[in-house]
Amino acid sequence: MARYQLPWTLRFAQSIWGFLSKFRAKGFALANGVLRCGTPMAIFHLILLLGFWKGIRACFLLTFSYGRYSIQIPGYLVPIPIDGSTSEPFTFLQVFVMQDFHPITELSAPKNIIDCGAFVGYTAIFMAHHFPDCRIIAVEAALSNFNRLKENTKLYPQVTPVYGALWSKKGVVKLLDKQADTWGYSVTENQGEGEDIPTVTVDQLMADYDMSIVDFLKIDIEGAEREVFIDPHWLPKVKALAIELHDHLFPGCGDNFHKATASIDFKCLYAGENLILVNQEDESDQQINAAS
């Protein structure tokens, strides 16, 4: 598989994000609101998803509310809980409104999904909604996020929360920066903060939950992918994966990932901030090709 450069639209969006983040860090409410929800595209998609008045209400809550609230999405089992004081509003937009993982819904009857960097469970809920008969293993390293994950997915019996950090071997790691946004916690084997976090590996998860094949693997682990893809001997057993690379945090993430995937016939497409790869040797997943 050839190396891929982010499309210019995503590079431009990252530049705007970085510019607004400088103002957000200084407490400018307008910049913070724009970062969270106040873009014409987000408002448009909220109205499409929820209807006009409910969409406008949701936009207001996502942009300006710093309390806890919930938003009911048509067809979902229960309202989606959101803590406005964290990064949850923006993740809600990515997963449920902009539907960054929509291409994966074209998979043919997946049975096993592993969600690494599950945050507070939004992607797991999205997948549980689209694939009610699928088993979803949701892995999260930050204890505060993990507790939210358990609470948010308790009515979804197909979702199994796992406390741990995805890594290349079994052991323990620590949080690198407790001051990061709740979706941006990184871990390290070196000196860090807080209690020990147990590590898990993909092949360990496959063995623990009796998986011979992983239909979909999501990896959003804030730079730990550099370690995970040093020797991913399990990769040929993955039908499709979505990853967000974090070279801006830990240089070398992309190099290790591209070396690991070069020998496998993956089709590549972008969805939001994620690079989605589909194993072309599996004919059952060809409908994703048409979706891209």
C-alpha atoms as a PDB file:
ATOM      1  CA  MET A   1       0.000   0.000   0.000  1.00  0.00           C
ATOM      2  CA  ALA A   2       1.373   3.395  -0.969  1.00  0.00           C
ATOM      3  CA  ARG A   3       1.785   6.186   1.540  1.00  0.00           C
ATOM      4  CA  TYR A   4      -0.987   8.761   1.587  1.00  0.00           C
ATOM      5  CA  GLN A   5      -0.902  12.459   2.304  1.00  0.00           C
ATOM      6  CA  LEU A   6      -3.853  14.141   3.947  1.00  0.00           C
ATOM      7  CA  PRO A   7      -6.120  15.884   1.413  1.00  0.00           C
ATOM      8  CA  TRP A   8      -5.595  19.640   1.230  1.00  0.00           C
ATOM      9  CA  THR A   9      -9.062  20.174   2.743  1.00  0.00           C
ATOM     10  CA  LEU A  10      -8.050  18.330   5.920  1.00  0.00           C
ATOM     11  CA  ARG A  11      -4.686  20.099   6.073  1.00  0.00           C
ATOM     12  CA  PHE A  12      -6.508  23.427   5.748  1.00  0.00           C
ATOM     13  CA  ALA A  13      -8.995  22.403   8.478  1.00  0.00           C
ATOM     14  CA  GLN A  14      -6.101  21.475  10.776  1.00  0.00           C
ATOM     15  CA  SER A  15      -4.569  24.914  10.193  1.00  0.00           C
ATOM     16  CA  ILE A  16      -7.843  26.631  11.101  1.00  0.00           C
ATOM     17  CA  TRP A  17      -8.152  24.384  14.175  1.00  0.00           C
ATOM     18  CA  GLY A  18      -4.659  25.344  15.304  1.00  0.00           C
ATOM     19  CA  PHE A  19      -5.340  29.048  14.762  1.00  0.00           C
ATOM     20  CA  LEU A  20      -8.604  28.989  16.725  1.00  0.00           C
ATOM     21  CA  SER A  21      -7.057  26.842  19.459  1.00  0.00           C
ATOM     22  CA  LYS A  22      -4.640  29.660  20.269  1.00  0.00           C
ATOM     23  CA  PHE A  23      -7.588  31.914  21.032  1.00  0.00           C
ATOM     24  CA  ARG A  24      -9.481  29.146  22.819  1.00  0.00           C
ATOM     25  CA  ALA A  25      -6.519  28.619  25.149  1.00  0.00           C
ATOM     26  CA  LYS A  26      -6.772  32.287  26.117  1.00  0.00           C
ATOM     27  CA  GLY A  27     -10.439  31.942  27.018  1.00  0.00           C
ATOM     28  CA  PHE A  28     -12.105  33.533  23.997  1.00  0.00           C
ATOM     29  CA  ALA A  29     -15.640  32.151  24.116  1.00  0.00           C
ATOM     30  CA  LEU A  30     -16.356  32.761  20.426  1.00  0.00           C
ATOM     31  CA  ALA A  31     -13.368  30.739  19.265  1.00  0.00           C
ATOM     32  CA  ASN A  32     -14.323  27.968  21.683  1.00  0.00           C
ATOM     33  CA  GLY A  33     -17.870  27.925  20.322  1.00  0.00           C
ATOM     34  CA  VAL A  34     -16.680  27.769  16.727  1.00  0.00           C
ATOM     35  CA  LEU A  35     -14.361  24.886  17.582  1.00  0.00           C
ATOM     36  CA  ARG A  36     -17.149  22.939  19.241  1.00  0.00           C
ATOM     37  CA  CYS A  37     -20.055  23.363  16.883  1.00  0.00           C
ATOM     38  CA  GLY A  38     -20.597  26.783  15.376  1.00  0.00           C
ATOM     39  CA  THR A  39     -19.759  26.043  11.760  1.00  0.00           C
ATOM     40  CA  PRO A  40     -22.336  26.257   8.957  1.00  0.00           C
ATOM     41  CA  MET A  41     -21.615  22.650   7.944  1.00  0.00           C
ATOM     42  CA  ALA A  42     -22.234  21.327  11.471  1.00  0.00           C
ATOM     43  CA  ILE A  43     -25.449  23.327  11.799  1.00  0.00           C
ATOM     44  CA  PHE A  44     -26.658  22.082   8.406  1.00  0.00           C
ATOM     45  CA  HIS A  45     -26.043  18.450   9.319  1.00  0.00           C
ATOM     46  CA  LEU A  46     -27.666  18.844  12.742  1.00  0.00           C
ATOM     47  CA  ILE A  47     -30.827  20.138  11.067  1.00  0.00           C
ATOM     48  CA  LEU A  48     -30.771  17.269   8.555  1.00  0.00           C
ATOM     49  CA  LEU A  49     -30.390  14.750  11.363  1.00  0.00           C
ATOM     50  CA  LEU A  50     -32.798  16.170  13.950  1.00  0.00           C
ATOM     51  CA  GLY A  51     -35.139  18.490  12.087  1.00  0.00           C
ATOM     52  CA  PHE A  52     -35.072  22.295  12.131  1.00  0.00           C
ATOM     53  CA  TRP A  53     -36.031  23.256  15.677  1.00  0.00           C
ATOM     54  CA  LYS A  54     -34.395  20.286  17.405  1.00  0.00           C
ATOM     55  CA  GLY A  55     -31.312  20.842  15.276  1.00  0.00           C
ATOM     56  CA  ILE A  56     -31.103  24.515  16.294  1.00  0.00           C
ATOM     57  CA  ARG A  57     -31.576  23.569  19.955  1.00  0.00           C
ATOM     58  CA  ALA A  58     -28.853  20.925  19.705  1.00  0.00           C
ATOM     59  CA  CYS A  59     -26.537  23.426  18.032  1.00  0.00           C
ATOM     60  CA  PHE A  60     -27.054  25.882  20.872  1.00  0.00           C
ATOM     61  CA  LEU A  61     -26.397  23.219  23.524  1.00  0.00           C
ATOM     62  CA  LEU A  62     -23.300  21.853  21.789  1.00  0.00           C
ATOM     63  CA  THR A  63     -21.830  25.307  21.281  1.00  0.00           C
ATOM     64  CA  PHE A  64     -22.605  27.104  24.515  1.00  0.00           C
ATOM     65  CA  SER A  65     -23.635  24.653  27.263  1.00  0.00           C
ATOM     66  CA  TYR A  66     -20.994  23.558  29.761  1.00  0.00           C
ATOM     67  CA  GLY A  67     -23.312  21.344  31.788  1.00  0.00           C
ATOM     68  CA  ARG A  68     -24.540  17.805  31.235  1.00  0.00           C
ATOM     69  CA  TYR A  69     -27.370  17.189  28.803  1.00  0.00           C
ATOM     70  CA  SER A  70     -28.475  14.599  26.254  1.00  0.00           C
ATOM     71  CA  ILE A  71     -29.602  14.636  22.633  1.00  0.00           C
ATOM     72  CA  GLN A  72     -32.020  12.081  21.211  1.00  0.00           C
ATOM     73  CA  ILE A  73     -31.095  10.918  17.731  1.00  0.00           C
ATOM     74  CA  PRO A  74     -33.983   9.376  15.745  1.00  0.00           C
ATOM     75  CA  GLY A  75     -33.813   5.589  15.822  1.00  0.00           C
ATOM     76  CA  TYR A  76     -31.316   5.316  18.688  1.00  0.00           C
ATOM     77  CA  LEU A  77     -32.206   3.325  21.788  1.00  0.00           C
ATOM     78  CA  VAL A  78     -31.676   6.150  24.307  1.00  0.00           C
ATOM     79  CA  PRO A  79     -30.571   9.821  24.161  1.00  0.00           C
ATOM     80  CA  ILE A  80     -26.824  10.343  23.814  1.00  0.00           C
ATOM     81  CA  PRO A  81     -25.394  11.828  27.061  1.00  0.00           C
ATOM     82  CA  ILE A  82     -22.959  14.736  26.679  1.00  0.00           C
ATOM     83  CA  ASP A  83     -20.773  16.577  29.182  1.00  0.00           C
ATOM     84  CA  GLY A  84     -20.342  20.090  27.805  1.00  0.00           C
ATOM     85  CA  SER A  85     -17.317  20.801  29.991  1.00  0.00           C
ATOM     86  CA  THR A  86     -15.231  18.216  28.105  1.00  0.00           C
ATOM     87  CA  SER A  87     -14.437  17.292  24.504  1.00  0.00           C
ATOM     88  CA  GLU A  88     -17.631  15.271  24.227  1.00  0.00           C
ATOM     89  CA  PRO A  89     -19.617  17.827  22.144  1.00  0.00           C
ATOM     90  CA  PHE A  90     -17.053  17.791  19.354  1.00  0.00           C
ATOM     91  CA  THR A  91     -16.795  13.985  19.405  1.00  0.00           C
ATOM     92  CA  PHE A  92     -20.596  13.763  19.299  1.00  0.00           C
ATOM     93  CA  LEU A  93     -20.502  15.869  16.136  1.00  0.00           C
ATOM     94  CA  GLN A  94     -17.798  13.737  14.546  1.00  0.00           C
ATOM     95  CA  VAL A  95     -19.485  10.406  15.224  1.00  0.00           C
ATOM     96  CA  PHE A  96     -23.236  11.035  15.043  1.00  0.00           C
ATOM     97  CA  VAL A  97     -23.634  14.203  12.973  1.00  0.00           C
ATOM     98  CA  MET A  98     -20.764  14.262  10.476  1.00  0.00           C
ATOM     99  CA  GLN A  99     -20.732  10.426  10.666  1.00  0.00           C
ATOM    100  CA  ASP A 100     -16.984   9.937  10.257  1.00  0.00           C
ATOM    101  CA  PHE A 101     -17.444   6.168  10.460  1.00  0.00           C
ATOM    102  CA  HIS A 102     -20.340   5.899   8.023  1.00  0.00           C
ATOM    103  CA  PRO A 103     -18.292   3.968   5.391  1.00  0.00           C
ATOM    104  CA  ILE A 104     -17.922   1.138   7.895  1.00  0.00           C
ATOM    105  CA  THR A 105     -21.707   0.711   8.033  1.00  0.00           C
ATOM    106  CA  GLU A 106     -21.395  -0.836   4.555  1.00  0.00           C
ATOM    107  CA  LEU A 107     -19.598  -3.864   6.024  1.00  0.00           C
ATOM    108  CA  SER A 108     -21.434  -7.116   5.425  1.00  0.00           C
ATOM    109  CA  ALA A 109     -22.764  -8.471   8.749  1.00  0.00           C
ATOM    110  CA  PRO A 110     -19.658  -7.933  10.927  1.00  0.00           C
ATOM    111  CA  LYS A 111     -19.414 -10.125  14.011  1.00  0.00           C
ATOM    112  CA  ASN A 112     -16.405  -8.668  15.854  1.00  0.00           C
ATOM    113  CA  ILE A 113     -15.433  -5.016  16.326  1.00  0.00           C
ATOM    114  CA  ILE A 114     -12.603  -3.701  18.495  1.00  0.00           C
ATOM    115  CA  ASP A 115     -12.751   0.007  19.375  1.00  0.00           C
ATOM    116  CA  CYS A 116      -9.407   1.168  20.804  1.00  0.00           C
ATOM    117  CA  GLY A 117      -9.446   4.660  22.222  1.00  0.00           C
ATOM    118  CA  ALA A 118     -13.167   4.299  22.850  1.00  0.00           C
ATOM    119  CA  PHE A 119     -13.331   7.618  24.778  1.00  0.00           C
ATOM    120  CA  VAL A 120     -16.830   7.727  26.337  1.00  0.00           C
ATOM    121  CA  GLY A 121     -18.414   5.170  24.039  1.00  0.00           C
ATOM    122  CA  TYR A 122     -19.795   7.196  21.127  1.00  0.00           C
ATOM    123  CA  THR A 123     -18.268   5.086  18.353  1.00  0.00           C
ATOM    124  CA  ALA A 124     -19.297   1.895  20.170  1.00  0.00           C
ATOM    125  CA  ILE A 125     -22.885   3.176  20.421  1.00  0.00           C
ATOM    126  CA  PHE A 126     -22.835   4.166  16.736  1.00  0.00           C
ATOM    127  CA  MET A 127     -21.668   0.672  15.766  1.00  0.00           C
ATOM    128  CA  ALA A 128     -24.113  -1.034  18.155  1.00  0.00           C
ATOM    129  CA  HIS A 129     -26.942   0.907  16.518  1.00  0.00           C
ATOM    130  CA  HIS A 130     -25.949  -0.140  12.997  1.00  0.00           C
ATOM    131  CA  PHE A 131     -24.895  -3.697  13.897  1.00  0.00           C
ATOM    132  CA  PRO A 132     -27.102  -4.866  16.796  1.00  0.00           C
ATOM    133  CA  ASP A 133     -25.899  -8.478  16.464  1.00  0.00           C
ATOM    134  CA  CYS A 134     -22.201  -7.583  16.514  1.00  0.00           C
ATOM    135  CA  ARG A 135     -19.872  -7.944  19.517  1.00  0.00           C
ATOM    136  CA  ILE A 136     -18.005  -4.712  20.282  1.00  0.00           C
ATOM    137  CA  ILE A 137     -14.949  -4.603  22.551  1.00  0.00           C
ATOM    138  CA  ALA A 138     -14.417  -0.977  23.649  1.00  0.00           C
ATOM    139  CA  VAL A 139     -10.941  -0.269  25.069  1.00  0.00           C
ATOM    140  CA  GLU A 140     -10.190   2.953  26.978  1.00  0.00           C
ATOM    141  CA  ALA A 141      -7.108   3.901  29.000  1.00  0.00           C
ATOM    142  CA  ALA A 142      -8.192   7.029  30.905  1.00  0.00           C
ATOM    143  CA  LEU A 143     -10.160   6.017  34.000  1.00  0.00           C
ATOM    144  CA  SER A 144     -12.494   9.033  33.929  1.00  0.00           C
ATOM    145  CA  ASN A 145     -13.389   8.303  30.299  1.00  0.00           C
ATOM    146  CA  PHE A 146     -13.730   4.583  31.046  1.00  0.00           C
ATOM    147  CA  ASN A 147     -16.272   5.256  33.794  1.00  0.00           C
ATOM    148  CA  ARG A 148     -18.293   7.365  31.363  1.00  0.00           C
ATOM    149  CA  LEU A 149     -17.938   4.632  28.753  1.00  0.00           C
ATOM    150  CA  LYS A 150     -19.426   2.038  31.115  1.00  0.00           C
ATOM    151  CA  GLU A 151     -22.303   4.329  32.051  1.00  0.00           C
ATOM    152  CA  ASN A 152     -23.079   5.329  28.468  1.00  0.00           C
ATOM    153  CA  THR A 153     -23.101   1.767  27.093  1.00  0.00           C
ATOM    154  CA  LYS A 154     -24.824  -0.074  29.954  1.00  0.00           C
ATOM    155  CA  LEU A 155     -28.003  -0.512  27.890  1.00  0.00           C
ATOM    156  CA  TYR A 156     -26.064  -1.988  24.968  1.00  0.00           C
ATOM    157  CA  PRO A 157     -25.320  -5.609  25.939  1.00  0.00           C
ATOM    158  CA  GLN A 158     -23.229  -6.154  22.795  1.00  0.00           C
ATOM    159  CA  VAL A 159     -20.665  -3.588  24.041  1.00  0.00           C
ATOM    160  CA  THR A 160     -17.963  -4.844  26.429  1.00  0.00           C
ATOM    161  CA  PRO A 161     -15.870  -2.048  28.044  1.00  0.00           C
ATOM    162  CA  VAL A 162     -12.216  -2.926  28.711  1.00  0.00           C
ATOM    163  CA  TYR A 163      -9.969  -0.760  30.883  1.00  0.00           C
ATOM    164  CA  GLY A 164      -6.494  -0.616  29.395  1.00  0.00           C
ATOM    165  CA  ALA A 165      -4.163   0.968  26.865  1.00  0.00           C
ATOM    166  CA  LEU A 166      -3.514  -0.611  23.469  1.00  0.00           C
ATOM    167  CA  TRP A 167       0.193  -1.411  23.188  1.00  0.00           C
ATOM    168  CA  SER A 168       2.593  -3.825  21.502  1.00  0.00           C
ATOM    169  CA  LYS A 169       3.069  -6.042  24.575  1.00  0.00           C
ATOM    170  CA  LYS A 170       1.553  -6.737  27.967  1.00  0.00           C
ATOM    171  CA  GLY A 171       2.687  -4.501  30.809  1.00  0.00           C
ATOM    172  CA  VAL A 172       1.780  -1.163  32.360  1.00  0.00           C
ATOM    173  CA  VAL A 173       1.920   2.451  31.194  1.00  0.00           C
ATOM    174  CA  LYS A 174       1.045   5.807  32.725  1.00  0.00           C
ATOM    175  CA  LEU A 175      -0.799   8.897  31.531  1.00  0.00           C
ATOM    176  CA  LEU A 176       1.580  11.346  29.908  1.00  0.00           C
ATOM    177  CA  ASP A 177      -0.473  14.525  30.431  1.00  0.00           C
ATOM    178  CA  LYS A 178      -3.462  14.797  32.739  1.00  0.00           C
ATOM    179  CA  GLN A 179      -4.064  18.360  31.580  1.00  0.00           C
ATOM    180  CA  ALA A 180      -4.921  17.335  28.026  1.00  0.00           C
ATOM    181  CA  ASP A 181      -8.486  17.471  26.721  1.00  0.00           C
ATOM    182  CA  THR A 182     -10.431  14.382  27.747  1.00  0.00           C
ATOM    183  CA  TRP A 183     -10.127  12.938  24.245  1.00  0.00           C
ATOM    184  CA  GLY A 184      -6.382  13.611  24.072  1.00  0.00           C
ATOM    185  CA  TYR A 185      -4.810  11.561  26.862  1.00  0.00           C
ATOM    186  CA  SER A 186      -1.508   9.942  25.835  1.00  0.00           C
ATOM    187  CA  VAL A 187       0.316   7.134  27.605  1.00  0.00           C
ATOM    188  CA  THR A 188       4.001   6.334  28.043  1.00  0.00           C
ATOM    189  CA  GLU A 189       6.202   3.532  29.334  1.00  0.00           C
ATOM    190  CA  ASN A 190       8.500   6.180  30.775  1.00  0.00           C
ATOM    191  CA  GLN A 191       7.830   8.309  33.847  1.00  0.00           C
ATOM    192  CA  GLY A 192       4.287   9.639  33.807  1.00  0.00           C
ATOM    193  CA  GLU A 193       1.483  10.626  36.155  1.00  0.00           C
ATOM    194  CA  GLY A 194      -1.141   8.718  38.109  1.00  0.00           C
ATOM    195  CA  GLU A 195      -1.765   5.035  38.597  1.00  0.00           C
ATOM    196  CA  ASP A 196      -0.524   2.202  36.439  1.00  0.00           C
ATOM    197  CA  ILE A 197      -2.690   1.432  33.407  1.00  0.00           C
ATOM    198  CA  PRO A 198      -2.630  -2.163  32.168  1.00  0.00           C
ATOM    199  CA  THR A 199      -1.765  -2.599  28.520  1.00  0.00           C
ATOM    200  CA  VAL A 200      -3.622  -4.842  26.096  1.00  0.00           C
ATOM    201  CA  THR A 201      -2.645  -6.091  22.654  1.00  0.00           C
ATOM    202  CA  VAL A 202      -4.819  -6.852  19.645  1.00  0.00           C
ATOM    203  CA  ASP A 203      -3.896 -10.534  19.671  1.00  0.00           C
ATOM    204  CA  GLN A 204      -4.617 -10.695  23.423  1.00  0.00           C
ATOM    205  CA  LEU A 205      -8.093  -9.222  22.841  1.00  0.00           C
ATOM    206  CA  MET A 206      -8.691 -11.664  19.994  1.00  0.00           C
ATOM    207  CA  ALA A 207      -7.717 -14.582  22.228  1.00  0.00           C
ATOM    208  CA  ASP A 208      -9.685 -13.354  25.253  1.00  0.00           C
ATOM    209  CA  TYR A 209     -12.876 -12.909  23.209  1.00  0.00           C
ATOM    210  CA  ASP A 210     -12.421 -15.883  20.872  1.00  0.00           C
ATOM    211  CA  MET A 211     -12.003 -13.918  17.637  1.00  0.00           C
ATOM    212  CA  SER A 212     -10.368 -15.536  14.632  1.00  0.00           C
ATOM    213  CA  ILE A 213     -11.094 -12.440  12.519  1.00  0.00           C
ATOM    214  CA  VAL A 214     -11.620  -8.775  13.440  1.00  0.00           C
ATOM    215  CA  ASP A 215     -14.206  -7.321  11.080  1.00  0.00           C
ATOM    216  CA  PHE A 216     -13.424  -3.732  12.064  1.00  0.00           C
ATOM    217  CA  LEU A 217     -10.638  -2.293  14.208  1.00  0.00           C
ATOM    218  CA  LYS A 218     -10.729   1.364  15.238  1.00  0.00           C
ATOM    219  CA  ILE A 219      -7.517   2.910  16.570  1.00  0.00           C
ATOM    220  CA  ASP A 220      -7.476   6.448  17.972  1.00  0.00           C
ATOM    221  CA  ILE A 221      -4.901   6.246  20.751  1.00  0.00           C
ATOM    222  CA  GLU A 222      -3.084   9.592  20.670  1.00  0.00           C
ATOM    223  CA  GLY A 223       0.301   8.462  19.398  1.00  0.00           C
ATOM    224  CA  ALA A 224       0.506   4.981  20.916  1.00  0.00           C
ATOM    225  CA  GLU A 225      -0.008   3.636  17.384  1.00  0.00           C
ATOM    226  CA  ARG A 226       3.727   4.197  16.892  1.00  0.00           C
ATOM    227  CA  GLU A 227       4.320   1.370  19.378  1.00  0.00           C
ATOM    228  CA  VAL A 228       1.377  -0.793  18.286  1.00  0.00           C
ATOM    229  CA  PHE A 229       2.530  -0.994  14.651  1.00  0.00           C
ATOM    230  CA  ILE A 230       6.142  -1.996  15.342  1.00  0.00           C
ATOM    231  CA  ASP A 231       5.258  -5.645  14.667  1.00  0.00           C
ATOM    232  CA  PRO A 232       1.512  -6.104  14.042  1.00  0.00           C
ATOM    233  CA  HIS A 233       1.504  -9.796  13.129  1.00  0.00           C
ATOM    234  CA  TRP A 234      -2.280  -9.792  13.663  1.00  0.00           C
ATOM    235  CA  LEU A 235      -2.902  -7.283  10.846  1.00  0.00           C
ATOM    236  CA  PRO A 236      -3.782  -9.841   8.098  1.00  0.00           C
ATOM    237  CA  LYS A 237      -6.680 -10.968  10.323  1.00  0.00           C
ATOM    238  CA  VAL A 238      -8.271  -7.505  10.202  1.00  0.00           C
ATOM    239  CA  LYS A 239     -10.866  -6.942   7.467  1.00  0.00           C
ATOM    240  CA  ALA A 240     -11.132  -3.171   7.895  1.00  0.00           C
ATOM    241  CA  LEU A 241      -9.544  -0.599  10.156  1.00  0.00           C
ATOM    242  CA  ALA A 242      -9.820   3.106  10.860  1.00  0.00           C
ATOM    243  CA  ILE A 243      -6.921   5.018  12.354  1.00  0.00           C
ATOM    244  CA  GLU A 244      -6.100   8.596  13.262  1.00  0.00           C
ATOM    245  CA  LEU A 245      -2.347   9.125  13.048  1.00  0.00           C
ATOM    246  CA  HIS A 246      -0.669  11.507  15.512  1.00  0.00           C
ATOM    247  CA  ASP A 247       2.733  12.328  14.038  1.00  0.00           C
ATOM    248  CA  HIS A 248       2.315  15.883  15.299  1.00  0.00           C
ATOM    249  CA  LEU A 249       2.471  14.444  18.831  1.00  0.00           C
ATOM    250  CA  PHE A 250       4.868  11.529  18.347  1.00  0.00           C
ATOM    251  CA  PRO A 251       6.924  11.569  15.123  1.00  0.00           C
ATOM    252  CA  GLY A 252       7.210   8.130  13.596  1.00  0.00           C
ATOM    253  CA  CYS A 253       3.575   7.062  13.957  1.00  0.00           C
ATOM    254  CA  GLY A 254       2.964   7.276  10.227  1.00  0.00           C
ATOM    255  CA  ASP A 255       6.258   5.600   9.313  1.00  0.00           C
ATOM    256  CA  ASN A 256       5.555   2.532  11.456  1.00  0.00           C
ATOM    257  CA  PHE A 257       1.962   2.327  10.258  1.00  0.00           C
ATOM    258  CA  HIS A 258       2.779   2.568   6.555  1.00  0.00           C
ATOM    259  CA  LYS A 259       5.605   0.026   6.820  1.00  0.00           C
ATOM    260  CA  ALA A 260       3.276  -2.404   8.568  1.00  0.00           C
ATOM    261  CA  THR A 261       0.474  -2.069   6.007  1.00  0.00           C
ATOM    262  CA  ALA A 262       2.612  -1.908   2.854  1.00  0.00           C
ATOM    263  CA  SER A 263       2.528  -5.650   2.174  1.00  0.00           C
ATOM    264  CA  ILE A 264      -1.272  -6.007   2.464  1.00  0.00           C
ATOM    265  CA  ASP A 265      -3.683  -5.120  -0.330  1.00  0.00           C
ATOM    266  CA  PHE A 266      -5.655  -2.401   1.434  1.00  0.00           C
ATOM    267  CA  LYS A 267      -7.959   0.082  -0.239  1.00  0.00           C
ATOM    268  CA  CYS A 268      -7.641   3.496   1.412  1.00  0.00           C
ATOM    269  CA  LEU A 269     -10.182   6.269   1.884  1.00  0.00           C
ATOM    270  CA  TYR A 270     -10.539   9.262   4.182  1.00  0.00           C
ATOM    271  CA  ALA A 271     -13.510   9.916   6.439  1.00  0.00           C
ATOM    272  CA  GLY A 272     -13.191  12.960   8.673  1.00  0.00           C
ATOM    273  CA  GLU A 273      -9.877  12.732  10.522  1.00  0.00           C
ATOM    274  CA  ASN A 274      -9.626   8.991   9.972  1.00  0.00           C
ATOM    275  CA  LEU A 275      -7.758   6.938   7.432  1.00  0.00           C
ATOM    276  CA  ILE A 276      -9.911   3.888   6.638  1.00  0.00           C
ATOM    277  CA  LEU A 277      -8.323   0.777   5.151  1.00  0.00           C
ATOM    278  CA  VAL A 278     -10.266  -2.150   3.716  1.00  0.00           C
ATOM    279  CA  ASN A 279      -8.591  -5.481   3.039  1.00  0.00           C
ATOM    280  CA  GLN A 280      -9.241  -6.184  -0.652  1.00  0.00           C
ATOM    281  CA  GLU A 281      -8.621  -9.899  -0.247  1.00  0.00           C
ATOM    282  CA  ASP A 282     -12.020 -10.171   1.463  1.00  0.00           C
ATOM    283  CA  GLU A 283     -14.708 -10.038  -1.230  1.00  0.00           C
ATOM    284  CA  SER A 284     -17.503  -9.586   1.333  1.00  0.00           C
ATOM    285  CA  ASP A 285     -16.404  -6.013   1.951  1.00  0.00           C
ATOM    286  CA  GLN A 286     -16.424  -4.779  -1.640  1.00  0.00           C
ATOM    287  CA  GLN A 287     -19.520  -2.644  -1.028  1.00  0.00           C
ATOM    288  CA  ILE A 288     -17.329  -0.225   0.920  1.00  0.00           C
ATOM    289  CA  ASN A 289     -15.482   0.428  -2.332  1.00  0.00           C
ATOM    290  CA  ALA A 290     -18.681   1.670  -3.898  1.00  0.00           C
ATOM    291  CA  ALA A 291     -19.414   3.839  -0.849  1.00  0.00           C
ATOM    292  CA  SER A 292     -16.075   5.620  -1.219  1.00  0.00           C
END
